[in-house]
Protein backbone atom coordinates (compact mmCIF):
# COMPACT_ATOMS: atom_id res chain seq x y z
CA MET A 1 26.91 21.18 17.91
CA THR A 2 23.34 22.16 17.19
CA MET A 3 20.80 23.48 19.68
CA ARG A 4 18.76 20.30 19.36
CA SER A 5 21.68 18.05 20.19
CA GLN A 6 22.40 20.12 23.32
CA THR A 7 18.90 20.02 24.77
CA SER A 8 17.20 16.88 23.43
CA PRO A 9 17.76 13.65 25.34
CA ALA A 10 18.11 10.34 23.58
CA ARG A 11 14.76 8.79 22.80
CA SER A 12 13.76 5.18 22.49
CA PRO A 13 13.14 4.13 18.86
CA PHE A 14 10.08 2.19 20.06
CA LEU A 15 8.53 5.26 21.68
CA THR A 16 9.08 7.48 18.63
CA THR A 17 8.34 4.90 15.94
CA ALA A 18 6.20 1.96 17.02
CA LEU A 19 4.27 2.99 20.14
CA ILE A 20 1.45 4.94 18.49
CA PRO A 21 0.95 2.54 15.54
CA THR A 22 0.79 -0.27 18.11
CA LEU A 23 -1.89 1.59 20.07
CA GLN A 24 -3.84 2.20 16.86
CA LEU A 25 -3.60 -1.48 15.98
CA ALA A 26 -4.90 -2.45 19.42
CA ILE A 27 -7.85 -0.04 19.13
CA HIS A 28 -8.57 -1.34 15.62
CA ALA A 29 -8.62 -4.97 16.73
CA LEU A 30 -10.76 -4.38 19.82
CA VAL A 31 -13.32 -2.27 17.96
CA LEU A 32 -13.78 -4.83 15.18
CA GLY A 33 -13.94 -7.68 17.65
CA PHE A 34 -16.30 -6.20 20.23
CA LEU A 35 -18.25 -3.22 18.83
CA SER A 36 -21.05 -3.51 16.28
CA PRO A 37 -21.78 -0.55 13.96
CA ALA A 38 -25.39 0.17 14.97
CA GLN A 39 -27.48 2.00 12.39
CA GLN A 40 -24.49 2.34 10.10
CA ASN A 41 -26.24 1.51 6.85
CA GLN A 42 -28.88 4.22 7.21
CA SER A 43 -26.50 6.93 8.38
CA LEU A 44 -23.89 6.58 5.66
CA ARG A 45 -26.48 7.08 2.94
CA ARG A 46 -26.95 10.70 3.96
CA PRO A 47 -24.17 13.10 2.94
CA SER A 48 -25.32 15.47 5.68
CA ARG A 49 -24.48 12.80 8.26
CA LEU A 50 -21.15 11.50 7.12
CA PHE A 51 -20.80 8.92 9.86
CA PRO A 52 -23.11 7.38 12.45
CA SER A 53 -22.95 8.46 16.08
CA THR A 54 -21.51 5.24 17.42
CA PRO A 55 -18.46 4.35 19.50
CA ARG A 56 -16.74 3.46 16.24
CA LEU A 57 -16.75 7.12 15.25
CA PHE A 58 -15.29 8.10 18.61
CA PHE A 59 -12.39 5.70 18.14
CA LEU A 60 -11.82 7.09 14.63
CA LEU A 61 -11.25 10.47 16.26
CA VAL A 62 -8.93 8.84 18.80
CA SER A 63 -6.92 7.23 16.00
CA ALA A 64 -6.77 10.56 14.15
CA ALA A 65 -5.45 12.27 17.29
CA LEU A 66 -2.78 9.59 17.67
CA SER A 67 -1.72 10.06 14.03
CA TYR A 68 -1.46 13.79 14.65
CA VAL A 69 0.85 13.22 17.61
CA GLN A 70 2.97 10.78 15.60
CA LEU A 71 3.37 13.07 12.59
CA VAL A 72 3.71 16.40 14.38
CA HIS A 73 5.59 15.58 17.54
CA LEU A 74 7.38 12.24 17.15
CA CYS A 75 8.52 11.91 13.53
CA PRO A 76 10.75 15.02 13.73
CA LEU A 77 12.50 13.62 16.83
CA THR A 78 13.80 10.42 15.33
CA THR A 79 15.81 9.19 12.36
CA GLN A 80 14.96 7.07 9.33
CA ALA A 81 12.91 4.61 11.41
CA GLY A 82 10.47 7.40 12.29
CA ILE A 83 9.49 7.66 8.65
CA PHE A 84 7.91 4.22 8.84
CA GLY A 85 6.18 5.22 12.08
CA GLY A 86 4.56 8.19 10.35
CA ILE A 87 3.41 6.20 7.32
CA ALA A 88 2.20 3.28 9.46
CA SER A 89 0.22 5.58 11.75
CA PHE A 90 -1.54 7.33 8.86
CA ALA A 91 -2.16 4.03 7.06
CA PHE A 92 -3.73 2.54 10.21
CA LEU A 93 -6.01 5.58 10.41
CA LEU A 94 -7.24 5.06 6.84
CA LYS A 95 -7.61 1.31 7.35
CA TYR A 96 -9.68 1.92 10.47
CA LEU A 97 -11.89 4.30 8.47
CA ASP A 98 -12.53 1.60 5.88
CA ASP A 99 -12.78 -1.45 8.14
CA ALA A 100 -14.76 0.01 11.02
CA LEU A 101 -17.02 2.53 9.27
CA LEU A 102 -17.19 2.18 5.49
CA SER A 103 -17.16 -1.64 5.40
CA GLY A 104 -18.32 -2.26 8.97
CA TRP A 105 -16.42 -5.48 9.67
CA THR A 106 -17.86 -7.37 12.65
CA PHE A 107 -17.04 -10.56 14.47
CA GLU A 108 -20.67 -11.66 14.30
CA ALA A 109 -20.77 -11.45 10.50
CA ARG A 110 -17.17 -12.64 10.07
CA GLY A 111 -16.84 -10.00 7.38
CA PRO A 112 -18.12 -6.59 6.21
CA THR A 113 -21.68 -5.52 6.94
CA ALA A 114 -21.77 -2.42 4.70
CA ALA A 115 -20.88 -1.94 1.04
CA TYR A 116 -19.84 1.72 1.20
CA GLY A 117 -16.18 0.79 0.83
CA GLY A 118 -16.87 -1.33 -2.24
CA LEU A 119 -16.75 -4.77 -0.61
CA THR A 120 -19.55 -7.24 -1.21
CA VAL A 121 -21.63 -7.87 1.90
CA PRO A 122 -22.01 -11.63 2.51
CA LEU A 123 -25.23 -13.41 3.32
CA PRO A 124 -26.07 -13.42 7.03
CA LEU A 125 -24.36 -16.18 8.97
CA PRO A 126 -25.93 -18.09 11.83
CA PRO A 127 -25.09 -16.50 15.18
CA PRO A 128 -21.88 -17.74 16.81
CA ALA A 129 -22.05 -20.22 19.64
CA GLU A 130 -21.89 -17.53 22.30
CA THR A 131 -25.20 -15.94 21.13
CA GLN A 132 -27.19 -19.05 20.35
CA PRO A 133 -30.01 -19.83 22.79
CA GLU A 134 -29.25 -22.49 25.31
CA SER A 135 -31.30 -25.61 25.67
CA GLU A 136 -33.32 -26.29 28.81
CA GLY A 137 -30.72 -28.68 30.09
CA GLU A 138 -27.88 -26.25 29.59
CA LYS A 139 -29.46 -23.23 31.27
CA SER A 140 -28.77 -24.57 34.72
CA LYS A 141 -25.11 -25.24 33.98
CA PRO A 142 -22.65 -22.56 35.07
CA SER A 143 -20.76 -20.85 32.30
CA SER A 144 -17.27 -22.14 31.68
CA THR A 145 -14.41 -19.77 32.38
CA THR A 146 -12.34 -21.52 29.75
CA GLY A 147 -15.10 -21.07 27.17
CA GLY A 148 -15.39 -17.37 27.96
CA SER A 149 -11.66 -16.89 27.60
CA ARG A 150 -11.72 -18.71 24.29
CA ARG A 151 -14.44 -16.42 22.95
CA TRP A 152 -12.50 -13.34 23.98
CA LYS A 153 -9.43 -14.74 22.26
CA GLU A 154 -11.42 -15.45 19.08
CA ARG A 155 -12.72 -11.89 18.97
CA ILE A 156 -9.29 -10.36 19.50
CA LEU A 157 -7.68 -12.61 16.91
CA PHE A 158 -10.45 -11.75 14.44
CA GLY A 159 -9.82 -8.02 14.90
CA LEU A 160 -6.06 -8.44 14.60
CA GLY A 161 -6.49 -10.59 11.51
CA VAL A 162 -8.56 -7.96 9.71
CA ALA A 163 -6.37 -5.05 10.85
CA THR A 164 -3.11 -6.70 9.73
CA ASN A 165 -4.32 -8.22 6.46
CA PRO A 166 -4.60 -5.27 4.04
CA ARG A 167 -4.73 -7.56 0.99
CA MET A 168 -7.47 -9.67 2.67
CA ILE A 169 -5.56 -12.86 1.82
CA GLY A 170 -7.51 -16.02 2.58
CA THR A 171 -10.90 -14.28 2.56
CA PRO A 172 -13.62 -14.02 -0.10
CA TRP A 173 -12.65 -10.36 -0.50
CA ALA A 174 -9.03 -10.95 -1.53
CA PHE A 175 -8.05 -8.84 -4.54
CA LYS A 176 -8.63 -10.44 -7.92
CA HIS A 177 -5.10 -10.19 -9.29
CA LEU A 178 -3.04 -11.10 -6.24
CA PRO A 179 -0.05 -13.32 -7.04
CA GLY A 180 -0.47 -16.98 -6.15
CA PRO A 181 1.51 -18.86 -3.52
CA LEU A 182 5.22 -19.30 -4.11
CA LEU A 183 5.78 -22.47 -6.15
CA GLY A 184 8.83 -24.67 -6.34
CA GLU A 185 10.46 -26.23 -9.40
CA SER A 186 7.90 -29.04 -9.41
CA GLY A 187 5.04 -26.56 -9.65
CA LYS A 188 3.93 -27.31 -6.11
CA VAL A 189 4.16 -25.25 -2.92
CA PRO A 190 7.62 -25.98 -1.46
CA GLY A 191 8.11 -27.46 1.96
CA ARG A 192 9.15 -25.52 5.01
CA TRP A 193 12.91 -25.63 4.48
CA GLY A 194 12.62 -25.37 0.71
CA PHE A 195 10.79 -22.09 1.22
CA VAL A 196 13.39 -20.84 3.70
CA VAL A 197 16.33 -21.71 1.42
CA ARG A 198 14.73 -20.20 -1.68
CA GLN A 199 13.68 -16.97 0.01
CA SER A 200 17.10 -16.63 1.65
CA GLY A 201 18.69 -16.87 -1.80
CA VAL A 202 16.35 -14.17 -3.14
CA VAL A 203 17.21 -11.88 -0.21
CA ALA A 204 20.93 -12.38 -0.88
CA VAL A 205 20.47 -11.49 -4.57
CA HIS A 206 18.46 -8.40 -3.57
CA LEU A 207 21.23 -7.22 -1.27
CA ILE A 208 23.72 -7.50 -4.12
CA ALA A 209 21.30 -5.71 -6.45
CA ILE A 210 20.96 -2.83 -3.99
CA ARG A 211 24.73 -2.33 -4.06
CA ALA A 212 24.61 -2.27 -7.85
CA CYS A 213 21.75 0.24 -7.77
CA ARG A 214 23.79 2.55 -5.56
CA VAL A 215 26.68 2.43 -8.01
CA LEU A 216 24.37 3.18 -10.95
CA MET A 217 22.65 6.02 -9.12
CA ASN A 218 25.97 7.62 -8.20
CA LEU A 219 27.08 7.13 -11.79
CA SER A 220 24.01 8.91 -13.13
CA GLN A 221 24.51 11.83 -10.73
CA ASP A 222 28.12 12.40 -11.82
CA ASP A 223 28.01 15.20 -14.38
CA GLU A 224 31.57 14.52 -15.53
CA ASN A 225 31.15 10.79 -16.03
CA SER A 226 32.28 9.64 -19.47
CA VAL A 227 30.13 6.49 -19.42
CA ILE A 228 26.94 8.55 -19.68
CA ARG A 229 28.32 10.47 -22.64
CA VAL A 230 29.40 7.27 -24.40
CA LEU A 231 25.99 5.64 -23.91
CA GLY A 232 24.27 8.77 -25.16
CA GLY A 233 26.45 8.83 -28.23
CA LEU A 234 25.84 5.16 -29.03
CA MET A 235 22.07 5.54 -28.78
CA GLY A 236 21.94 8.92 -30.51
CA VAL A 237 20.30 10.69 -27.56
CA ASN A 238 21.49 13.44 -25.23
CA ASP A 239 23.20 12.70 -21.95
CA GLY A 240 20.29 14.01 -19.91
CA LEU A 241 17.89 11.38 -21.24
CA VAL A 242 20.33 8.54 -20.53
CA GLU A 243 20.87 9.87 -17.02
CA ARG A 244 17.11 10.13 -16.47
CA VAL A 245 16.45 6.57 -17.65
CA ILE A 246 19.19 5.19 -15.38
CA ARG A 247 17.96 7.12 -12.35
CA VAL A 248 14.29 6.21 -12.83
CA SER A 249 15.07 2.53 -13.47
CA THR A 250 17.37 2.36 -10.45
CA PHE A 251 14.78 4.12 -8.29
CA TRP A 252 12.01 1.62 -9.10
CA VAL A 253 14.24 -1.43 -8.75
CA SER A 254 15.44 -0.16 -5.38
CA LEU A 255 11.89 0.59 -4.23
CA TYR A 256 10.85 -2.93 -5.26
CA ILE A 257 13.67 -4.40 -3.17
CA TYR A 258 13.22 -2.13 -0.14
CA LEU A 259 9.50 -2.95 0.07
CA GLY A 260 9.70 -6.65 -0.76
CA THR A 261 12.76 -7.74 1.21
CA PRO A 262 11.35 -7.15 4.73
CA GLN A 263 8.32 -9.30 3.88
CA ARG A 264 10.60 -12.08 2.69
CA ILE A 265 12.67 -11.87 5.88
CA PHE A 266 9.55 -12.02 8.07
CA GLY A 267 8.35 -14.98 6.03
CA ILE A 268 11.67 -16.79 6.50
CA ALA A 269 11.48 -16.28 10.26
CA ALA A 270 7.78 -17.19 10.58
CA VAL A 271 7.98 -20.33 8.45
CA GLY A 272 11.43 -21.34 9.69
CA PHE A 273 10.35 -21.32 13.34
CA GLY A 274 7.13 -23.15 12.52
CA GLY A 275 4.80 -20.30 13.37
CA SER A 276 3.23 -19.97 9.91
CA ARG A 277 2.44 -21.97 6.78
CA VAL A 278 4.21 -21.46 3.46
CA GLU A 279 0.86 -20.81 1.74
CA SER A 280 0.29 -17.76 3.95
CA TRP A 281 3.26 -15.89 2.48
CA ILE A 282 2.00 -14.79 -0.90
CA PRO A 283 4.62 -12.63 -2.68
CA LEU A 284 4.18 -8.90 -2.17
CA PHE A 285 4.54 -8.14 -5.88
CA GLY A 286 3.16 -9.81 -8.96
CA SER A 287 5.14 -10.98 -11.97
CA VAL A 288 7.11 -8.34 -13.87
CA GLY A 289 5.68 -9.83 -17.05
CA GLU A 290 2.23 -8.62 -15.97
CA ALA A 291 3.29 -4.95 -16.15
CA ARG A 292 2.16 -4.38 -19.74
CA GLY A 293 0.89 -0.84 -19.24
CA VAL A 294 0.05 1.73 -16.58
CA ARG A 295 -3.16 0.02 -15.44
CA ALA A 296 -1.51 -3.41 -15.30
CA PHE A 297 1.53 -1.99 -13.50
CA TRP A 298 -0.56 -0.64 -10.63
CA GLY A 299 -3.29 -3.29 -10.66
CA ARG A 300 -1.35 -6.50 -11.27
CA PHE A 301 2.36 -6.03 -10.64
CA TRP A 302 2.80 -3.44 -7.87
CA HIS A 303 1.97 -4.33 -4.29
CA GLN A 304 -1.68 -4.03 -3.21
CA CYS A 305 -1.09 -3.22 0.47
CA ILE A 306 -2.84 0.16 0.36
CA ARG A 307 -5.33 -0.62 -2.38
CA GLN A 308 -8.41 -0.94 -0.17
CA LEU A 309 -7.23 1.98 1.99
CA CYS A 310 -7.51 4.11 -1.14
CA ALA A 311 -10.43 2.38 -2.85
CA GLY A 312 -12.75 2.41 0.19
CA PRO A 313 -12.99 6.20 0.62
CA ALA A 314 -12.95 6.66 -3.18
CA HIS A 315 -15.88 4.26 -3.63
CA TRP A 316 -17.88 5.97 -0.88
CA VAL A 317 -17.35 9.47 -2.29
CA THR A 318 -18.00 8.42 -5.89
CA TYR A 319 -21.17 6.39 -5.41
CA TYR A 320 -22.69 7.60 -2.12
CA ILE A 321 -21.64 11.25 -1.79
CA LEU A 322 -21.53 12.30 -5.47
CA ARG A 323 -24.14 9.61 -6.31
CA LEU A 324 -22.68 8.88 -9.74
CA ARG A 325 -24.20 6.03 -11.68
CA LYS A 326 -22.16 2.87 -11.83
CA ARG A 327 -20.71 1.63 -15.11
CA THR A 328 -20.47 5.12 -16.59
CA LEU A 329 -17.24 6.71 -17.78
CA LEU A 330 -17.68 9.63 -15.40
CA ALA A 331 -18.04 7.33 -12.38
CA ARG A 332 -15.24 5.06 -13.52
CA TYR A 333 -12.64 7.78 -13.91
CA THR A 334 -13.83 9.79 -10.93
CA PHE A 335 -13.26 6.68 -8.83
CA THR A 336 -9.84 6.06 -10.41
CA THR A 337 -8.76 9.66 -9.83
CA LEU A 338 -9.89 9.58 -6.21
CA VAL A 339 -8.04 6.30 -5.60
CA PHE A 340 -4.77 7.82 -6.79
CA THR A 341 -5.49 11.04 -4.91
CA VAL A 342 -5.76 9.14 -1.61
CA SER A 343 -2.58 7.25 -2.52
CA GLY A 344 -0.90 10.58 -3.18
CA VAL A 345 -1.91 11.81 0.27
CA ILE A 346 -0.42 8.68 1.88
CA HIS A 347 2.87 9.14 0.05
CA LEU A 348 2.82 12.88 0.75
CA VAL A 349 2.68 12.05 4.45
CA GLY A 350 5.66 9.75 3.91
CA ASN A 351 7.60 12.54 2.20
CA VAL A 352 6.83 15.04 4.94
CA SER A 353 7.84 12.49 7.56
CA LYS A 354 11.22 12.40 5.84
CA GLY A 355 11.61 16.15 6.22
CA ILE A 356 10.61 17.10 2.67
CA PRO A 357 8.57 20.34 2.76
CA LEU A 358 5.07 20.22 1.32
CA ARG A 359 5.97 22.76 -1.35
CA GLU A 360 8.81 20.52 -2.58
CA SER A 361 7.13 17.12 -2.47
CA GLY A 362 5.89 15.84 -5.81
CA ALA A 363 3.99 12.85 -4.40
CA MET A 364 0.53 14.27 -5.10
CA GLN A 365 1.44 15.30 -8.66
CA PHE A 366 2.94 11.91 -9.46
CA TYR A 367 0.08 9.78 -8.14
CA VAL A 368 -2.77 11.92 -9.45
CA VAL A 369 -1.25 11.96 -12.93
CA GLN A 370 -1.25 8.14 -12.95
CA ALA A 371 -5.02 8.33 -13.36
CA ALA A 372 -4.43 10.41 -16.49
CA GLY A 373 -2.05 7.74 -17.77
CA ILE A 374 -4.75 5.09 -17.35
CA MET A 375 -7.25 7.30 -19.20
CA ILE A 376 -4.81 7.78 -22.09
CA GLU A 377 -4.18 4.04 -22.19
CA ASP A 378 -7.89 3.20 -22.20
CA ALA A 379 -8.60 5.77 -24.91
CA PHE A 380 -5.83 4.34 -27.10
CA GLN A 381 -7.16 0.81 -26.69
CA ALA A 382 -10.72 1.91 -27.45
CA LEU A 383 -9.94 4.10 -30.49
CA VAL A 384 -6.73 2.86 -32.09
CA VAL A 385 -6.65 -0.88 -31.49
CA PRO A 386 -9.85 -1.64 -33.49
CA LEU A 387 -8.37 0.25 -36.46
CA VAL A 388 -5.15 -1.78 -36.61
CA LYS A 389 -6.56 -5.16 -35.55
CA PRO A 390 -6.73 -7.41 -38.64
CA GLU A 391 -10.06 -8.92 -39.56
CA GLY A 392 -10.69 -12.58 -40.21
CA LYS A 393 -9.01 -15.65 -38.80
CA GLN A 394 -5.26 -15.63 -38.50
CA GLY A 395 -2.83 -18.49 -38.18
CA LYS A 396 -1.20 -19.45 -34.91
CA ILE A 397 2.10 -17.84 -35.92
CA SER A 398 0.41 -14.55 -36.82
CA ASP A 399 -1.52 -14.56 -33.54
CA ALA A 400 1.62 -15.24 -31.54
CA ILE A 401 3.52 -12.44 -33.27
CA GLY A 402 0.63 -10.04 -32.70
CA LYS A 403 0.47 -10.83 -28.99
CA LEU A 404 4.23 -10.46 -28.69
CA LEU A 405 4.21 -7.07 -30.42
CA TRP A 406 1.32 -5.95 -28.20
CA ARG A 407 3.25 -6.97 -25.10
CA VAL A 408 6.39 -5.16 -26.26
CA ALA A 409 4.35 -2.04 -27.04
CA GLY A 410 2.84 -2.18 -23.54
CA TYR A 411 6.26 -2.46 -21.89
CA LEU A 412 7.65 0.43 -23.94
CA TRP A 413 4.63 2.60 -23.15
CA LEU A 414 4.97 1.90 -19.43
CA ALA A 415 8.71 2.62 -19.48
CA ALA A 416 8.19 5.90 -21.31
CA TRP A 417 5.39 6.92 -18.92
CA LEU A 418 7.44 6.20 -15.80
CA VAL A 419 10.51 7.97 -17.17
CA LEU A 420 8.32 10.98 -17.92
CA THR A 421 6.40 11.15 -14.63
CA THR A 422 8.63 9.66 -11.91
CA PRO A 423 11.18 12.51 -11.49
CA VAL A 424 8.59 14.91 -10.02
CA TRP A 425 8.23 12.49 -7.08
CA MET A 426 11.74 11.03 -7.07
CA ASP A 427 13.97 14.11 -7.33
CA PRO A 428 12.86 15.85 -4.10
CA MET A 429 13.50 12.64 -2.18
CA LEU A 430 16.95 12.19 -3.71
CA ARG A 431 17.86 15.81 -3.02
CA ARG A 432 16.95 15.46 0.64
CA HIS A 433 18.10 11.87 1.01
CA PRO A 434 21.05 11.05 -1.27
CA PHE A 435 20.80 7.49 -2.51
CA GLY A 436 22.05 5.07 0.11
CA GLY A 437 22.60 7.81 2.66
CA GLY A 438 21.00 8.46 6.00
CA VAL A 439 18.74 11.23 7.20
CA PRO A 440 19.99 14.62 5.93
CA GLU A 441 21.71 16.87 8.37
CA GLU A 442 19.16 19.62 7.86
CA MET A 443 16.38 17.31 9.07
CA GLU A 444 18.28 16.62 12.27
CA ARG A 445 19.14 20.30 12.65
CA THR A 446 15.65 21.72 12.11
CA GLY A 447 13.66 18.72 13.26
CA GLY A 448 11.84 18.48 9.93
CA GLY A 449 8.38 18.81 11.30
CA PHE A 450 5.04 18.11 9.74
CA LEU A 451 3.31 20.95 11.59
CA VAL A 452 6.04 23.46 10.80
CA GLN A 453 5.81 22.62 7.10
CA VAL A 454 2.01 22.84 7.06
CA ARG A 455 2.02 26.18 8.79
CA GLY A 456 4.75 27.42 6.50
CA ASN A 457 2.50 26.79 3.51
CA GLU A 458 -0.64 28.39 4.90
């Protein structure tokens, strides 16, 4: 029996996992609904004054303190569920930074009021009913309690809607390449029960696929397995490459299922009980067929839930702190690199929440190098494609073959890139958390600990 098991009482999963993210969500919603960012536009233009002195800045510090408590004190005290608490807390902090300060969302504007996060500021809207001047006949009437309660409810729901809609679905700022609503066989949005039945079938297939992934991962980790040697011999490659391809492919398929299945389950419950419309549940991932390269993989296929969390700070630093000119190669790739750097920090926090030491985590290396992959891809398209593209008009068959070959080349390039770069991020996680297993014993024994790991690397 370890020292921790002797002295530490049982803790509620809600207290260690969901309490602080829930508090951050409440702060986020109330700030967006009730506080306006006074003088924000002028202050953010000056690098010497990074943020305006407003209550919104104060609540950013409060949210940062809550994230610190979650990562340092609560994540080490819980099991696998605490990992999601750590990631959610840090993600809410970044989303608050973008929504409340960089983009300045307000209830009065029904959208962003500042462009420092990269969102387009809409034209001013007429003031809501609660701020419009009253007519002479209405001034003498007492205010309605019901009307006041309704306005409070509208403000709170507005703040919650912005805080819990990272892809900005249903707004003018929704991402360009989001997948469309789920369609049935007739090409139309299915009805309530059609949606529930179809999504339930997908969840069942995903559960079977996860079992298959576990078998394949265990197979690839067995050094004495004859199947790996036979496959390597048939393809004329060494066993290590076959093992690497199987592990990387299994890792990404599993990640796709682990991230997408909870959303499908929530959608089944929300639509099935009549609390939500089918059109509101846009798939988390795009079509696999869209992943024709590194840029398309991250921009069209993979989920976009943290896209604005990463793009907002990157846009601000690139164009307002460094003051780089837009539409230049330097600005373009500085922005891209910063986006993946912020994403790397988010995933680094996730790794540390799992008990992976900072010195072992490869999250930063993996995500930062994705920007290099996009640069290589863009350079190839700019330099090589014009040299091999035939001149003159081609027949329909020739055009179709060319497009097919280009697609195949894109898929092969993406597969090679992921096989090359994924292990630096994947292997530390698999060493600490064997595939399909629970939290490693050493994490329970030592408590993991974000603060301990940071101090150990100072």
